Each structure stands twice: as C-alpha cells, then as structure tokens.
Amino acid sequence: MNTLKNAAIKSTVKVVRVHGEGAIRRRIMDMGITRGTEIFVRKTAPLGDPIEISLRGYELSLRKADADMIEIE
C-alpha cells in the first residue's frame, strides 16, 4: 500500500482511500482529503514531520502519522 507519508516531494498524487477509525478519519475527511482528491506534496519540515501539502486551493500541514492513513496512487 502506497501512502501519502511515502510520496515524493514536489509530486502530485491522487487519494484512493482514507483509512482509520472514527474521529481521526472524520477529521482527515473534514480537511478535504477524500477519495479522488489530487494532492501536491510541497515540502517537509527540516526534521521530517510535518509535511506540507496543497489541495483544493489551500495549503495544509499534516503529521506523518495522519499521512500514513491516506492511501494514494
């Protein structure tokens, strides 16, 4: 399974599925990360966590633990 956590910097990926349970999954989906959404991976912080992504016209910082729940193609 390929996840957003492993996506290359400056690449565009497409969300296949959001894994997780309950409130965590709902929070990720409320941020606009749903199936079919295209995400541009902008950069990572100097120590690797969080990662900065662009989607639906805005920028978002996401922890790697949360990014690991987002399956991409």
C-alpha atoms as a PDB file:
ATOM      1  CA  MET A   1       0.000   0.000   0.000  1.00  0.00           C
ATOM      2  CA  ASN A   2       1.404   3.366  -1.056  1.00  0.00           C
ATOM      3  CA  THR A   3       0.599   6.177   1.404  1.00  0.00           C
ATOM      4  CA  LEU A   4       0.914   9.956   1.428  1.00  0.00           C
ATOM      5  CA  LYS A   5       3.687   9.604   4.013  1.00  0.00           C
ATOM      6  CA  ASN A   6       5.904   7.959   1.353  1.00  0.00           C
ATOM      7  CA  ALA A   7       5.039  10.341  -1.507  1.00  0.00           C
ATOM      8  CA  ALA A   8       7.922  12.153  -3.197  1.00  0.00           C
ATOM      9  CA  ILE A   9       8.399  15.878  -2.642  1.00  0.00           C
ATOM     10  CA  LYS A  10       7.010  18.081  -5.450  1.00  0.00           C
ATOM     11  CA  SER A  11       4.801  15.309  -6.783  1.00  0.00           C
ATOM     12  CA  THR A  12       1.064  15.234  -7.395  1.00  0.00           C
ATOM     13  CA  VAL A  13      -0.843  12.212  -6.118  1.00  0.00           C
ATOM     14  CA  LYS A  14      -4.473  11.108  -6.060  1.00  0.00           C
ATOM     15  CA  VAL A  15      -6.267   9.813  -2.961  1.00  0.00           C
ATOM     16  CA  VAL A  16      -7.567   6.256  -3.291  1.00  0.00           C
ATOM     17  CA  ARG A  17      -8.833   5.680   0.252  1.00  0.00           C
ATOM     18  CA  VAL A  18      -8.713   7.165   3.736  1.00  0.00           C
ATOM     19  CA  HIS A  19      -8.023   4.529   6.392  1.00  0.00           C
ATOM     20  CA  GLY A  20      -8.525   4.959  10.125  1.00  0.00           C
ATOM     21  CA  GLU A  21     -11.368   4.807  12.581  1.00  0.00           C
ATOM     22  CA  GLY A  22     -13.931   7.213  13.959  1.00  0.00           C
ATOM     23  CA  ALA A  23     -12.923  10.756  14.843  1.00  0.00           C
ATOM     24  CA  ILE A  24      -9.469  10.599  13.238  1.00  0.00           C
ATOM     25  CA  ARG A  25     -10.881   9.525   9.873  1.00  0.00           C
ATOM     26  CA  ARG A  26     -13.646  12.140  10.084  1.00  0.00           C
ATOM     27  CA  ARG A  27     -11.098  14.908  10.883  1.00  0.00           C
ATOM     28  CA  ILE A  28      -8.992  13.982   7.844  1.00  0.00           C
ATOM     29  CA  MET A  29     -12.049  13.945   5.600  1.00  0.00           C
ATOM     30  CA  ASP A  30     -13.276  17.286   7.021  1.00  0.00           C
ATOM     31  CA  MET A  31      -9.977  18.834   5.884  1.00  0.00           C
ATOM     32  CA  GLY A  32     -10.976  17.992   2.297  1.00  0.00           C
ATOM     33  CA  ILE A  33      -8.925  14.821   1.885  1.00  0.00           C
ATOM     34  CA  THR A  34     -11.448  12.493   0.256  1.00  0.00           C
ATOM     35  CA  ARG A  35     -11.319   9.822  -2.436  1.00  0.00           C
ATOM     36  CA  GLY A  36     -10.329  11.246  -5.817  1.00  0.00           C
ATOM     37  CA  THR A  37      -8.746  14.434  -4.443  1.00  0.00           C
ATOM     38  CA  GLU A  38      -5.464  15.477  -6.074  1.00  0.00           C
ATOM     39  CA  ILE A  39      -2.759  16.482  -3.601  1.00  0.00           C
ATOM     40  CA  PHE A  40       0.505  18.279  -4.366  1.00  0.00           C
ATOM     41  CA  VAL A  41       3.257  17.449  -1.861  1.00  0.00           C
ATOM     42  CA  ARG A  42       5.081  20.775  -1.347  1.00  0.00           C
ATOM     43  CA  LYS A  43       7.771  20.069   1.250  1.00  0.00           C
ATOM     44  CA  THR A  44       8.624  18.535   4.609  1.00  0.00           C
ATOM     45  CA  ALA A  45       9.825  20.194   7.787  1.00  0.00           C
ATOM     46  CA  PRO A  46      13.583  20.041   8.487  1.00  0.00           C
ATOM     47  CA  LEU A  47      13.159  17.117  10.895  1.00  0.00           C
ATOM     48  CA  GLY A  48      10.703  15.373   8.562  1.00  0.00           C
ATOM     49  CA  ASP A  49       7.451  15.981  10.419  1.00  0.00           C
ATOM     50  CA  PRO A  50       5.006  17.529   9.413  1.00  0.00           C
ATOM     51  CA  ILE A  51       4.622  17.537   5.641  1.00  0.00           C
ATOM     52  CA  GLU A  52       3.095  20.452   3.758  1.00  0.00           C
ATOM     53  CA  ILE A  53       0.567  19.698   1.027  1.00  0.00           C
ATOM     54  CA  SER A  54      -1.678  21.708  -1.300  1.00  0.00           C
ATOM     55  CA  LEU A  55      -5.187  20.621  -2.139  1.00  0.00           C
ATOM     56  CA  ARG A  56      -8.451  22.250  -3.211  1.00  0.00           C
ATOM     57  CA  GLY A  57      -6.803  25.688  -3.369  1.00  0.00           C
ATOM     58  CA  TYR A  58      -5.226  25.809   0.095  1.00  0.00           C
ATOM     59  CA  GLU A  59      -2.112  24.646   1.931  1.00  0.00           C
ATOM     60  CA  LEU A  60      -2.207  22.177   4.795  1.00  0.00           C
ATOM     61  CA  SER A  61       0.375  20.797   7.205  1.00  0.00           C
ATOM     62  CA  LEU A  62      -0.197  17.185   8.107  1.00  0.00           C
ATOM     63  CA  ARG A  63       1.528  14.950  10.640  1.00  0.00           C
ATOM     64  CA  LYS A  64       3.201  11.866   9.178  1.00  0.00           C
ATOM     65  CA  ALA A  65       1.062   9.629  11.409  1.00  0.00           C
ATOM     66  CA  ASP A  66      -2.049  11.068   9.733  1.00  0.00           C
ATOM     67  CA  ALA A  67      -0.457  10.988   6.262  1.00  0.00           C
ATOM     68  CA  ASP A  68       0.191   7.272   6.747  1.00  0.00           C
ATOM     69  CA  MET A  69      -3.602   6.706   6.845  1.00  0.00           C
ATOM     70  CA  ILE A  70      -4.107   8.177   3.359  1.00  0.00           C
ATOM     71  CA  GLU A  71      -3.697   5.633   0.560  1.00  0.00           C
ATOM     72  CA  ILE A  72      -2.624   7.147  -2.775  1.00  0.00           C
ATOM     73  CA  GLU A  73      -1.928   6.084  -6.342  1.00  0.00           C
END
